[in-house]
Amino acid sequence: MYEVNRSVFLLIPLEPFWVWLQNLPDINLDGLSLKALQQDANAYLISTAENSEDLWLQIEQHYQDIFAAELADWCEDERRWPQLDADTFLKWFEVKSSMIVTDLAKEELEREEFVPIELN
């Protein structure tokens, strides 16, 4: 068991995100619900944060990229996206954080460049 030099936060989709998702054309959401999205929320690793203020500073520096990644997973057409501003981000997502990340796996951490999910 090892502590890693990262902190983590979960990005929990909220009702406005779900409404946007439901209004996208040509998307099949059968069997999906807001609750299911919330239970399988994306986790983001950031540099080690000493406290919640430090964590929020890091989120503020990257929220537009994070927001864009979350939207691109569902819709590549940026014309259908909302404004990527901080107010909208905070209305669309709840952030749950943890300062300490403990790695229970025996294999080494691997990194791979983020690639949005191909929808079609």
Protein backbone atom coordinates (compact mmCIF):
# COMPACT_ATOMS: atom_id res chain seq x y z
CA MET A 1 0.00 0.00 0.00
CA TYR A 2 1.39 3.40 -1.02
CA GLU A 3 0.32 7.00 -0.75
CA VAL A 4 0.72 8.71 -4.11
CA ASN A 5 1.56 12.34 -4.70
CA ARG A 6 -1.92 13.24 -5.87
CA SER A 7 -5.26 14.35 -4.51
CA VAL A 8 -8.53 13.35 -6.13
CA PHE A 9 -11.99 14.72 -6.74
CA LEU A 10 -15.15 13.19 -8.15
CA LEU A 11 -17.20 15.25 -10.56
CA ILE A 12 -20.84 14.39 -9.85
CA PRO A 13 -23.28 15.38 -12.62
CA LEU A 14 -26.30 17.37 -11.46
CA GLU A 15 -29.77 17.96 -12.90
CA PRO A 16 -28.76 20.69 -15.44
CA PHE A 17 -26.21 18.31 -16.99
CA TRP A 18 -28.84 15.58 -17.19
CA VAL A 19 -31.37 17.94 -18.84
CA TRP A 20 -28.74 18.97 -21.41
CA LEU A 21 -27.91 15.33 -22.08
CA GLN A 22 -31.56 14.40 -22.57
CA ASN A 23 -31.99 17.21 -25.10
CA LEU A 24 -29.12 16.14 -27.33
CA PRO A 25 -30.27 14.84 -30.72
CA ASP A 26 -29.50 11.30 -31.81
CA ILE A 27 -28.42 10.02 -28.41
CA ASN A 28 -29.75 6.86 -26.85
CA LEU A 29 -30.07 7.15 -23.07
CA ASP A 30 -32.21 4.03 -22.61
CA GLY A 31 -31.49 2.48 -19.24
CA LEU A 32 -29.47 5.49 -18.12
CA SER A 33 -30.53 7.83 -15.34
CA LEU A 34 -29.06 10.78 -13.50
CA LYS A 35 -28.61 8.53 -10.49
CA ALA A 36 -26.60 6.04 -12.57
CA LEU A 37 -24.40 8.86 -13.90
CA GLN A 38 -23.85 10.10 -10.37
CA GLN A 39 -22.89 6.66 -9.10
CA ASP A 40 -20.29 6.28 -11.85
CA ALA A 41 -18.86 9.80 -11.67
CA ASN A 42 -15.51 10.60 -13.24
CA ALA A 43 -12.55 10.96 -10.87
CA TYR A 44 -9.75 13.45 -11.50
CA LEU A 45 -6.29 13.31 -10.00
CA ILE A 46 -4.56 16.60 -9.29
CA SER A 47 -1.30 17.62 -7.68
CA THR A 48 -1.26 17.00 -3.95
CA ALA A 49 -3.53 19.49 -2.21
CA GLU A 50 -2.79 20.40 1.38
CA ASN A 51 -6.33 21.62 2.03
CA SER A 52 -9.65 22.27 0.27
CA GLU A 53 -8.61 25.81 -0.69
CA ASP A 54 -5.57 24.44 -2.53
CA LEU A 55 -7.75 21.83 -4.23
CA TRP A 56 -10.23 24.48 -5.39
CA LEU A 57 -7.42 26.64 -6.76
CA GLN A 58 -6.34 23.73 -8.92
CA ILE A 59 -9.89 23.03 -10.08
CA GLU A 60 -10.31 26.70 -10.97
CA GLN A 61 -7.18 26.53 -13.13
CA HIS A 62 -8.53 23.55 -15.08
CA TYR A 63 -12.32 23.72 -14.91
CA GLN A 64 -12.76 24.68 -18.58
CA ASP A 65 -10.73 21.68 -19.77
CA ILE A 66 -12.58 19.41 -17.34
CA PHE A 67 -15.96 20.80 -18.39
CA ALA A 68 -15.09 20.36 -22.08
CA ALA A 69 -13.95 16.77 -21.48
CA GLU A 70 -17.20 15.92 -19.70
CA LEU A 71 -19.28 17.39 -22.52
CA ALA A 72 -17.16 15.88 -25.31
CA ASP A 73 -17.78 12.42 -23.88
CA TRP A 74 -21.41 12.89 -24.98
CA CYS A 75 -21.41 15.49 -27.74
CA GLU A 76 -18.54 16.54 -29.99
CA ASP A 77 -20.51 19.45 -31.48
CA GLU A 78 -19.33 22.41 -29.41
CA ARG A 79 -22.22 24.50 -30.73
CA ARG A 80 -24.49 22.40 -28.49
CA TRP A 81 -22.40 23.08 -25.40
CA PRO A 82 -23.24 25.70 -22.79
CA GLN A 83 -20.81 28.49 -21.98
CA LEU A 84 -17.81 26.96 -20.21
CA ASP A 85 -17.87 29.45 -17.36
CA ALA A 86 -17.35 28.78 -13.66
CA ASP A 87 -20.97 29.47 -12.69
CA THR A 88 -22.33 26.94 -15.17
CA PHE A 89 -19.68 24.39 -14.17
CA LEU A 90 -20.74 24.65 -10.52
CA LYS A 91 -24.45 24.39 -11.43
CA TRP A 92 -23.85 21.30 -13.56
CA PHE A 93 -21.45 19.42 -11.28
CA GLU A 94 -20.88 18.75 -7.60
CA VAL A 95 -17.26 18.26 -6.54
CA LYS A 96 -16.39 15.71 -3.87
CA SER A 97 -12.74 15.68 -2.91
CA SER A 98 -10.11 13.81 -0.97
CA MET A 99 -6.67 15.17 -0.21
CA ILE A 100 -4.98 11.78 0.17
CA VAL A 101 -4.87 9.01 -2.41
CA THR A 102 -3.71 5.57 -1.36
CA ASP A 103 -2.77 3.04 -4.02
CA LEU A 104 -3.61 -0.56 -3.09
CA ALA A 105 -2.52 -2.06 -6.41
CA LYS A 106 0.82 -3.81 -6.77
CA GLU A 107 1.46 -2.83 -10.39
CA GLU A 108 3.03 0.52 -11.25
CA LEU A 109 0.82 3.46 -12.17
CA GLU A 110 0.52 3.99 -15.92
CA ARG A 111 -0.42 7.14 -17.78
CA GLU A 112 -2.10 7.49 -21.13
CA GLU A 113 -3.23 10.61 -22.98
CA PHE A 114 -6.94 11.43 -22.54
CA VAL A 115 -9.01 10.71 -25.66
CA PRO A 116 -12.74 11.51 -25.71
CA ILE A 117 -15.06 8.55 -26.18
CA GLU A 118 -16.05 7.91 -29.83
CA LEU A 119 -19.85 8.00 -29.87
CA ASN A 120 -20.62 6.83 -33.41
